[in-house]
Every structure is written in C-alpha cells, then in structure tokens.
C-alpha cells in the first residue's frame, strides 16, 4: 500500500469528521449515520478506519472520566 496523497488524507479526515459529527448529534445511533460510515470507510485505508474508531472510543471514555470521575470496580476496591 502506498502512502495516501494530501488530497486523499484530507478526504479521509473530512469523511471521518462528518461521521463522528453525525454520531455525536444522533447520540451514537449508528443506523442514522450509516451513509457517513460508508463514505468514511470508502475514503480511508482500513487500518486508519480501525485506528480512528478506537481513537473515538478512547476519547469518549476519557471525556467521561474527566466529567464523571473515576469509579473503581468492586473487584479493585476490595
């Protein structure tokens, strides 16, 4: 696989941003954002799609920890 050109990277990032915005606006209702997901997957290399999906999950988790605080599970508190 050759490295994506500048235009290809911009298209990928734009598609990712639209997909993530749709997910944020629709409370993670993936069915409403399916067309954006398909464009995102079509414009980005599959490795990037996996990375960006994991990155979104991490950022949402980090945001939750920062706003709600850390609550240890019962196993770790015993």
PDB file of N, CA and C in Angstrom:
ATOM      1  N   UNK A   1       0.845  -1.178   0.000  1.00  0.00           N
ATOM      2  CA  UNK A   1       0.000   0.000   0.000  1.00  0.00           C
ATOM      3  C   UNK A   1       0.888   1.238   0.000  1.00  0.00           C
ATOM      4  N   UNK A   2       0.633   2.126  -0.932  1.00  0.00           N
ATOM      5  CA  UNK A   2       1.389   3.371  -0.962  1.00  0.00           C
ATOM      6  C   UNK A   2       0.745   4.385  -0.022  1.00  0.00           C
ATOM      7  N   UNK A   3       1.520   5.338   0.370  1.00  0.00           N
ATOM      8  CA  UNK A   3       1.026   6.363   1.289  1.00  0.00           C
ATOM      9  C   UNK A   3      -0.016   7.227   0.575  1.00  0.00           C
ATOM     10  N   UNK A   4      -1.088   7.551   1.273  1.00  0.00           N
ATOM     11  CA  UNK A   4      -2.124   8.400   0.665  1.00  0.00           C
ATOM     12  C   UNK A   4      -1.583   9.802   0.367  1.00  0.00           C
ATOM     13  N   UNK A   5      -2.062  10.376  -0.706  1.00  0.00           N
ATOM     14  CA  UNK A   5      -1.658  11.735  -1.063  1.00  0.00           C
ATOM     15  C   UNK A   5      -2.329  12.729  -0.117  1.00  0.00           C
ATOM     16  N   UNK A   6      -1.928  13.963  -0.220  1.00  0.00           N
ATOM     17  CA  UNK A   6      -2.503  15.015   0.619  1.00  0.00           C
ATOM     18  C   UNK A   6      -4.015  15.118   0.402  1.00  0.00           C
ATOM     19  N   UNK A   7      -4.444  15.042  -0.840  1.00  0.00           N
ATOM     20  CA  UNK A   7      -5.880  15.127  -1.145  1.00  0.00           C
ATOM     21  C   UNK A   7      -6.630  13.926  -0.574  1.00  0.00           C
ATOM     22  N   UNK A   8      -6.020  12.743  -0.655  1.00  0.00           N
ATOM     23  CA  UNK A   8      -6.662  11.542  -0.116  1.00  0.00           C
ATOM     24  C   UNK A   8      -6.770  11.619   1.408  1.00  0.00           C
ATOM     25  N   UNK A   9      -5.740  12.136   2.059  1.00  0.00           N
ATOM     26  CA  UNK A   9      -5.785  12.291   3.520  1.00  0.00           C
ATOM     27  C   UNK A   9      -6.877  13.273   3.926  1.00  0.00           C
ATOM     28  N   UNK A  10      -6.961  14.386   3.205  1.00  0.00           N
ATOM     29  CA  UNK A  10      -7.993  15.391   3.515  1.00  0.00           C
ATOM     30  C   UNK A  10      -9.391  14.809   3.322  1.00  0.00           C
ATOM     31  N   UNK A  11      -9.581  14.015   2.277  1.00  0.00           N
ATOM     32  CA  UNK A  11     -10.882  13.384   2.034  1.00  0.00           C
ATOM     33  C   UNK A  11     -11.214  12.411   3.157  1.00  0.00           C
ATOM     34  N   UNK A  12     -10.205  11.649   3.598  1.00  0.00           N
ATOM     35  CA  UNK A  12     -10.402  10.681   4.689  1.00  0.00           C
ATOM     36  C   UNK A  12     -10.778  11.406   5.975  1.00  0.00           C
ATOM     37  N   UNK A  13      -9.995  12.417   6.321  1.00  0.00           N
ATOM     38  CA  UNK A  13     -10.255  13.148   7.566  1.00  0.00           C
ATOM     39  C   UNK A  13     -11.602  13.866   7.528  1.00  0.00           C
ATOM     40  N   UNK A  14     -11.972  14.397   6.370  1.00  0.00           N
ATOM     41  CA  UNK A  14     -13.270  15.052   6.233  1.00  0.00           C
ATOM     42  C   UNK A  14     -14.414  14.073   6.420  1.00  0.00           C
ATOM     43  N   UNK A  15     -14.270  12.886   5.812  1.00  0.00           N
ATOM     44  CA  UNK A  15     -15.303  11.849   5.958  1.00  0.00           C
ATOM     45  C   UNK A  15     -15.390  11.382   7.406  1.00  0.00           C
ATOM     46  N   UNK A  16     -14.228  11.233   8.055  1.00  0.00           N
ATOM     47  CA  UNK A  16     -14.206  10.849   9.471  1.00  0.00           C
ATOM     48  C   UNK A  16     -14.915  11.887  10.321  1.00  0.00           C
ATOM     49  N   UNK A  17     -14.605  13.156  10.081  1.00  0.00           N
ATOM     50  CA  UNK A  17     -15.206  14.231  10.873  1.00  0.00           C
ATOM     51  C   UNK A  17     -16.717  14.281  10.694  1.00  0.00           C
ATOM     52  N   UNK A  18     -17.208  14.079   9.468  1.00  0.00           N
ATOM     53  CA  UNK A  18     -18.652  14.068   9.229  1.00  0.00           C
ATOM     54  C   UNK A  18     -19.310  12.892   9.935  1.00  0.00           C
ATOM     55  N   UNK A  19     -18.673  11.732   9.881  1.00  0.00           N
ATOM     56  CA  UNK A  19     -19.211  10.545  10.545  1.00  0.00           C
ATOM     57  C   UNK A  19     -19.266  10.759  12.056  1.00  0.00           C
ATOM     58  N   UNK A  20     -18.171  11.256  12.640  1.00  0.00           N
ATOM     59  CA  UNK A  20     -18.138  11.493  14.084  1.00  0.00           C
ATOM     60  C   UNK A  20     -19.154  12.544  14.494  1.00  0.00           C
ATOM     61  N   UNK A  21     -19.332  13.592  13.667  1.00  0.00           N
ATOM     62  CA  UNK A  21     -20.315  14.635  13.989  1.00  0.00           C
ATOM     63  C   UNK A  21     -21.716  14.036  13.988  1.00  0.00           C
ATOM     64  N   UNK A  22     -21.995  13.184  13.018  1.00  0.00           N
ATOM     65  CA  UNK A  22     -23.295  12.516  12.965  1.00  0.00           C
ATOM     66  C   UNK A  22     -23.516  11.673  14.214  1.00  0.00           C
ATOM     67  N   UNK A  23     -22.496  10.918  14.625  1.00  0.00           N
ATOM     68  CA  UNK A  23     -22.617  10.097  15.831  1.00  0.00           C
ATOM     69  C   UNK A  23     -22.848  10.961  17.067  1.00  0.00           C
ATOM     70  N   UNK A  24     -22.153  12.094  17.146  1.00  0.00           N
ATOM     71  CA  UNK A  24     -22.319  12.990  18.289  1.00  0.00           C
ATOM     72  C   UNK A  24     -23.718  13.604  18.308  1.00  0.00           C
ATOM     73  N   UNK A  25     -24.215  13.990  17.131  1.00  0.00           N
ATOM     74  CA  UNK A  25     -25.525  14.632  17.039  1.00  0.00           C
ATOM     75  C   UNK A  25     -26.680  13.664  17.240  1.00  0.00           C
ATOM     76  N   UNK A  26     -26.460  12.398  16.919  1.00  0.00           N
ATOM     77  CA  UNK A  26     -27.559  11.425  16.993  1.00  0.00           C
ATOM     78  C   UNK A  26     -27.411  10.467  18.171  1.00  0.00           C
ATOM     79  N   UNK A  27     -26.609  10.826  19.156  1.00  0.00           N
ATOM     80  CA  UNK A  27     -26.420  10.014  20.362  1.00  0.00           C
ATOM     81  C   UNK A  27     -25.978   8.587  20.039  1.00  0.00           C
ATOM     82  N   UNK A  28     -25.014   8.461  19.141  1.00  0.00           N
ATOM     83  CA  UNK A  28     -24.424   7.172  18.763  1.00  0.00           C
ATOM     84  C   UNK A  28     -25.415   6.199  18.130  1.00  0.00           C
ATOM     85  N   UNK A  29     -26.472   6.715  17.485  1.00  0.00           N
ATOM     86  CA  UNK A  29     -27.397   5.863  16.739  1.00  0.00           C
ATOM     87  C   UNK A  29     -26.771   5.594  15.375  1.00  0.00           C
ATOM     88  N   UNK A  30     -26.062   4.503  15.279  1.00  0.00           N
ATOM     89  CA  UNK A  30     -25.262   4.195  14.092  1.00  0.00           C
ATOM     90  C   UNK A  30     -26.131   4.065  12.839  1.00  0.00           C
ATOM     91  N   UNK A  31     -27.377   3.624  12.971  1.00  0.00           N
ATOM     92  CA  UNK A  31     -28.243   3.449  11.806  1.00  0.00           C
ATOM     93  C   UNK A  31     -28.462   4.767  11.069  1.00  0.00           C
ATOM     94  N   UNK A  32     -28.595   5.866  11.801  1.00  0.00           N
ATOM     95  CA  UNK A  32     -28.797   7.162  11.168  1.00  0.00           C
ATOM     96  C   UNK A  32     -27.550   7.643  10.430  1.00  0.00           C
ATOM     97  N   UNK A  33     -26.403   7.166  10.840  1.00  0.00           N
ATOM     98  CA  UNK A  33     -25.130   7.627  10.294  1.00  0.00           C
ATOM     99  C   UNK A  33     -24.502   6.631   9.331  1.00  0.00           C
ATOM    100  N   UNK A  34     -25.274   5.656   8.893  1.00  0.00           N
ATOM    101  CA  UNK A  34     -24.713   4.595   8.053  1.00  0.00           C
ATOM    102  C   UNK A  34     -24.113   5.127   6.754  1.00  0.00           C
ATOM    103  N   UNK A  35     -24.762   6.110   6.127  1.00  0.00           N
ATOM    104  CA  UNK A  35     -24.223   6.648   4.873  1.00  0.00           C
ATOM    105  C   UNK A  35     -22.883   7.345   5.108  1.00  0.00           C
ATOM    106  N   UNK A  36     -22.744   8.027   6.246  1.00  0.00           N
ATOM    107  CA  UNK A  36     -21.469   8.679   6.562  1.00  0.00           C
ATOM    108  C   UNK A  36     -20.390   7.639   6.867  1.00  0.00           C
ATOM    109  N   UNK A  37     -20.782   6.545   7.524  1.00  0.00           N
ATOM    110  CA  UNK A  37     -19.832   5.470   7.815  1.00  0.00           C
ATOM    111  C   UNK A  37     -19.306   4.859   6.519  1.00  0.00           C
ATOM    112  N   UNK A  38     -20.189   4.651   5.566  1.00  0.00           N
ATOM    113  CA  UNK A  38     -19.780   4.057   4.286  1.00  0.00           C
ATOM    114  C   UNK A  38     -18.820   4.971   3.534  1.00  0.00           C
ATOM    115  N   UNK A  39     -19.076   6.273   3.551  1.00  0.00           N
ATOM    116  CA  UNK A  39     -18.180   7.227   2.898  1.00  0.00           C
ATOM    117  C   UNK A  39     -16.827   7.240   3.620  1.00  0.00           C
ATOM    118  N   UNK A  40     -16.862   7.226   4.945  1.00  0.00           N
ATOM    119  CA  UNK A  40     -15.649   7.189   5.760  1.00  0.00           C
ATOM    120  C   UNK A  40     -14.820   5.957   5.415  1.00  0.00           C
ATOM    121  N   UNK A  41     -15.453   4.802   5.384  1.00  0.00           N
ATOM    122  CA  UNK A  41     -14.734   3.560   5.088  1.00  0.00           C
ATOM    123  C   UNK A  41     -14.235   3.513   3.646  1.00  0.00           C
ATOM    124  N   UNK A  42     -14.957   4.154   2.729  1.00  0.00           N
ATOM    125  CA  UNK A  42     -14.545   4.165   1.326  1.00  0.00           C
ATOM    126  C   UNK A  42     -13.358   5.106   1.090  1.00  0.00           C
ATOM    127  N   UNK A  43     -13.261   6.170   1.894  1.00  0.00           N
ATOM    128  CA  UNK A  43     -12.217   7.174   1.687  1.00  0.00           C
ATOM    129  C   UNK A  43     -10.951   6.944   2.498  1.00  0.00           C
ATOM    130  N   UNK A  44     -10.987   6.022   3.444  1.00  0.00           N
ATOM    131  CA  UNK A  44      -9.831   5.810   4.323  1.00  0.00           C
ATOM    132  C   UNK A  44      -9.323   4.375   4.204  1.00  0.00           C
ATOM    133  N   UNK A  45      -8.004   4.213   4.338  1.00  0.00           N
ATOM    134  CA  UNK A  45      -7.463   2.847   4.392  1.00  0.00           C
ATOM    135  C   UNK A  45      -8.049   2.105   5.604  1.00  0.00           C
ATOM    136  N   UNK A  46      -8.223   0.800   5.489  1.00  0.00           N
ATOM    137  CA  UNK A  46      -8.880   0.034   6.555  1.00  0.00           C
ATOM    138  C   UNK A  46      -8.134   0.146   7.884  1.00  0.00           C
ATOM    139  N   UNK A  47      -6.803   0.224   7.834  1.00  0.00           N
ATOM    140  CA  UNK A  47      -6.045   0.388   9.082  1.00  0.00           C
ATOM    141  C   UNK A  47      -6.374   1.713   9.751  1.00  0.00           C
ATOM    142  N   UNK A  48      -6.585   2.744   8.962  1.00  0.00           N
ATOM    143  CA  UNK A  48      -6.936   4.057   9.508  1.00  0.00           C
ATOM    144  C   UNK A  48      -8.326   4.017  10.128  1.00  0.00           C
ATOM    145  N   UNK A  49      -9.251   3.314   9.463  1.00  0.00           N
ATOM    146  CA  UNK A  49     -10.618   3.204   9.990  1.00  0.00           C
ATOM    147  C   UNK A  49     -10.585   2.550  11.367  1.00  0.00           C
ATOM    148  N   UNK A  50      -9.830   1.456  11.502  1.00  0.00           N
ATOM    149  CA  UNK A  50      -9.709   0.780  12.798  1.00  0.00           C
ATOM    150  C   UNK A  50      -9.124   1.719  13.836  1.00  0.00           C
ATOM    151  N   UNK A  51      -8.051   2.422  13.465  1.00  0.00           N
ATOM    152  CA  UNK A  51      -7.403   3.345  14.396  1.00  0.00           C
ATOM    153  C   UNK A  51      -8.361   4.460  14.816  1.00  0.00           C
ATOM    154  N   UNK A  52      -9.027   5.084  13.847  1.00  0.00           N
ATOM    155  CA  UNK A  52      -9.929   6.193  14.167  1.00  0.00           C
ATOM    156  C   UNK A  52     -11.099   5.730  15.029  1.00  0.00           C
ATOM    157  N   UNK A  53     -11.617   4.526  14.793  1.00  0.00           N
ATOM    158  CA  UNK A  53     -12.711   4.015  15.621  1.00  0.00           C
ATOM    159  C   UNK A  53     -12.244   3.787  17.059  1.00  0.00           C
ATOM    160  N   UNK A  54     -11.052   3.222  17.228  1.00  0.00           N
ATOM    161  CA  UNK A  54     -10.508   3.034  18.579  1.00  0.00           C
ATOM    162  C   UNK A  54     -10.224   4.376  19.225  1.00  0.00           C
ATOM    163  N   UNK A  55      -9.733   5.320  18.441  1.00  0.00           N
ATOM    164  CA  UNK A  55      -9.431   6.658  18.953  1.00  0.00           C
ATOM    165  C   UNK A  55     -10.704   7.342  19.455  1.00  0.00           C
ATOM    166  N   UNK A  56     -11.797   7.217  18.716  1.00  0.00           N
ATOM    167  CA  UNK A  56     -13.066   7.825  19.135  1.00  0.00           C
ATOM    168  C   UNK A  56     -13.535   7.204  20.451  1.00  0.00           C
ATOM    169  N   UNK A  57     -13.454   5.875  20.552  1.00  0.00           N
ATOM    170  CA  UNK A  57     -13.855   5.205  21.793  1.00  0.00           C
ATOM    171  C   UNK A  57     -13.013   5.698  22.968  1.00  0.00           C
ATOM    172  N   UNK A  58     -11.708   5.831  22.749  1.00  0.00           N
ATOM    173  CA  UNK A  58     -10.826   6.308  23.811  1.00  0.00           C
ATOM    174  C   UNK A  58     -11.164   7.734  24.206  1.00  0.00           C
ATOM    175  N   UNK A  59     -11.389   8.602  23.229  1.00  0.00           N
ATOM    176  CA  UNK A  59     -11.701   9.998  23.541  1.00  0.00           C
ATOM    177  C   UNK A  59     -13.021  10.126  24.293  1.00  0.00           C
ATOM    178  N   UNK A  60     -14.011   9.313  23.941  1.00  0.00           N
ATOM    179  CA  UNK A  60     -15.290   9.328  24.658  1.00  0.00           C
ATOM    180  C   UNK A  60     -15.097   8.830  26.092  1.00  0.00           C
ATOM    181  N   UNK A  61     -14.298   7.781  26.261  1.00  0.00           N
ATOM    182  CA  UNK A  61     -14.020   7.257  27.593  1.00  0.00           C
ATOM    183  C   UNK A  61     -13.280   8.303  28.427  1.00  0.00           C
ATOM    184  N   UNK A  62     -12.287   8.938  27.840  1.00  0.00           N
ATOM    185  CA  UNK A  62     -11.507   9.961  28.538  1.00  0.00           C
ATOM    186  C   UNK A  62     -12.408  11.127  28.963  1.00  0.00           C
ATOM    187  N   UNK A  63     -13.296  11.540  28.077  1.00  0.00           N
ATOM    188  CA  UNK A  63     -14.234  12.627  28.385  1.00  0.00           C
ATOM    189  C   UNK A  63     -15.146  12.239  29.550  1.00  0.00           C
ATOM    190  N   UNK A  64     -15.615  11.001  29.551  1.00  0.00           N
ATOM    191  CA  UNK A  64     -16.492  10.523  30.621  1.00  0.00           C
ATOM    192  C   UNK A  64     -15.752  10.506  31.962  1.00  0.00           C
ATOM    193  N   UNK A  65     -14.518  10.050  31.951  1.00  0.00           N
ATOM    194  CA  UNK A  65     -13.715  10.008  33.181  1.00  0.00           C
ATOM    195  C   UNK A  65     -13.481  11.427  33.708  1.00  0.00           C
ATOM    196  N   UNK A  66     -13.214  12.363  32.803  1.00  0.00           N
ATOM    197  CA  UNK A  66     -12.946  13.732  33.223  1.00  0.00           C
ATOM    198  C   UNK A  66     -14.186  14.426  33.770  1.00  0.00           C
ATOM    199  N   UNK A  67     -15.346  14.109  33.236  1.00  0.00           N
ATOM    200  CA  UNK A  67     -16.566  14.771  33.710  1.00  0.00           C
ATOM    201  C   UNK A  67     -17.200  14.051  34.890  1.00  0.00           C
ATOM    202  N   UNK A  68     -17.213  12.725  34.863  1.00  0.00           N
ATOM    203  CA  UNK A  68     -17.882  11.963  35.917  1.00  0.00           C
ATOM    204  C   UNK A  68     -16.941  11.502  37.018  1.00  0.00           C
ATOM    205  N   UNK A  69     -15.663  11.498  36.735  1.00  0.00           N
ATOM    206  CA  UNK A  69     -14.696  10.999  37.709  1.00  0.00           C
ATOM    207  C   UNK A  69     -14.527   9.499  37.585  1.00  0.00           C
ATOM    208  N   UNK A  70     -13.487   9.008  38.207  1.00  0.00           N
ATOM    209  CA  UNK A  70     -13.165   7.585  38.157  1.00  0.00           C
ATOM    210  C   UNK A  70     -13.903   6.861  39.273  1.00  0.00           C
ATOM    211  N   UNK A  71     -14.549   5.774  38.930  1.00  0.00           N
ATOM    212  CA  UNK A  71     -15.226   4.931  39.915  1.00  0.00           C
ATOM    213  C   UNK A  71     -14.638   3.531  39.809  1.00  0.00           C
ATOM    214  N   UNK A  72     -13.842   3.117  40.787  1.00  0.00           N
ATOM    215  CA  UNK A  72     -13.243   1.785  40.705  1.00  0.00           C
ATOM    216  C   UNK A  72     -14.331   0.700  40.776  1.00  0.00           C
ATOM    217  N   UNK A  73     -14.046  -0.409  40.118  1.00  0.00           N
ATOM    218  CA  UNK A  73     -14.996  -1.519  40.188  1.00  0.00           C
ATOM    219  C   UNK A  73     -14.944  -2.135  41.574  1.00  0.00           C
ATOM    220  N   UNK A  74     -15.917  -2.955  41.892  1.00  0.00           N
ATOM    221  CA  UNK A  74     -15.961  -3.565  43.216  1.00  0.00           C
ATOM    222  C   UNK A  74     -14.782  -4.509  43.411  1.00  0.00           C
ATOM    223  N   UNK A  75     -14.303  -5.143  42.374  1.00  0.00           N
ATOM    224  CA  UNK A  75     -13.166  -6.049  42.497  1.00  0.00           C
ATOM    225  C   UNK A  75     -11.923  -5.304  42.939  1.00  0.00           C
ATOM    226  N   UNK A  76     -11.664  -4.133  42.361  1.00  0.00           N
ATOM    227  CA  UNK A  76     -10.442  -3.407  42.727  1.00  0.00           C
ATOM    228  C   UNK A  76     -10.542  -2.720  44.069  1.00  0.00           C
ATOM    229  N   UNK A  77     -11.755  -2.456  44.540  1.00  0.00           N
ATOM    230  CA  UNK A  77     -11.904  -1.764  45.822  1.00  0.00           C
ATOM    231  C   UNK A  77     -11.864  -2.723  47.015  1.00  0.00           C
ATOM    232  N   UNK A  78     -11.914  -4.011  46.758  1.00  0.00           N
ATOM    233  CA  UNK A  78     -11.912  -4.980  47.854  1.00  0.00           C
ATOM    234  C   UNK A  78     -10.527  -5.301  48.340  1.00  0.00           C
TER     235      UNK A  78
END
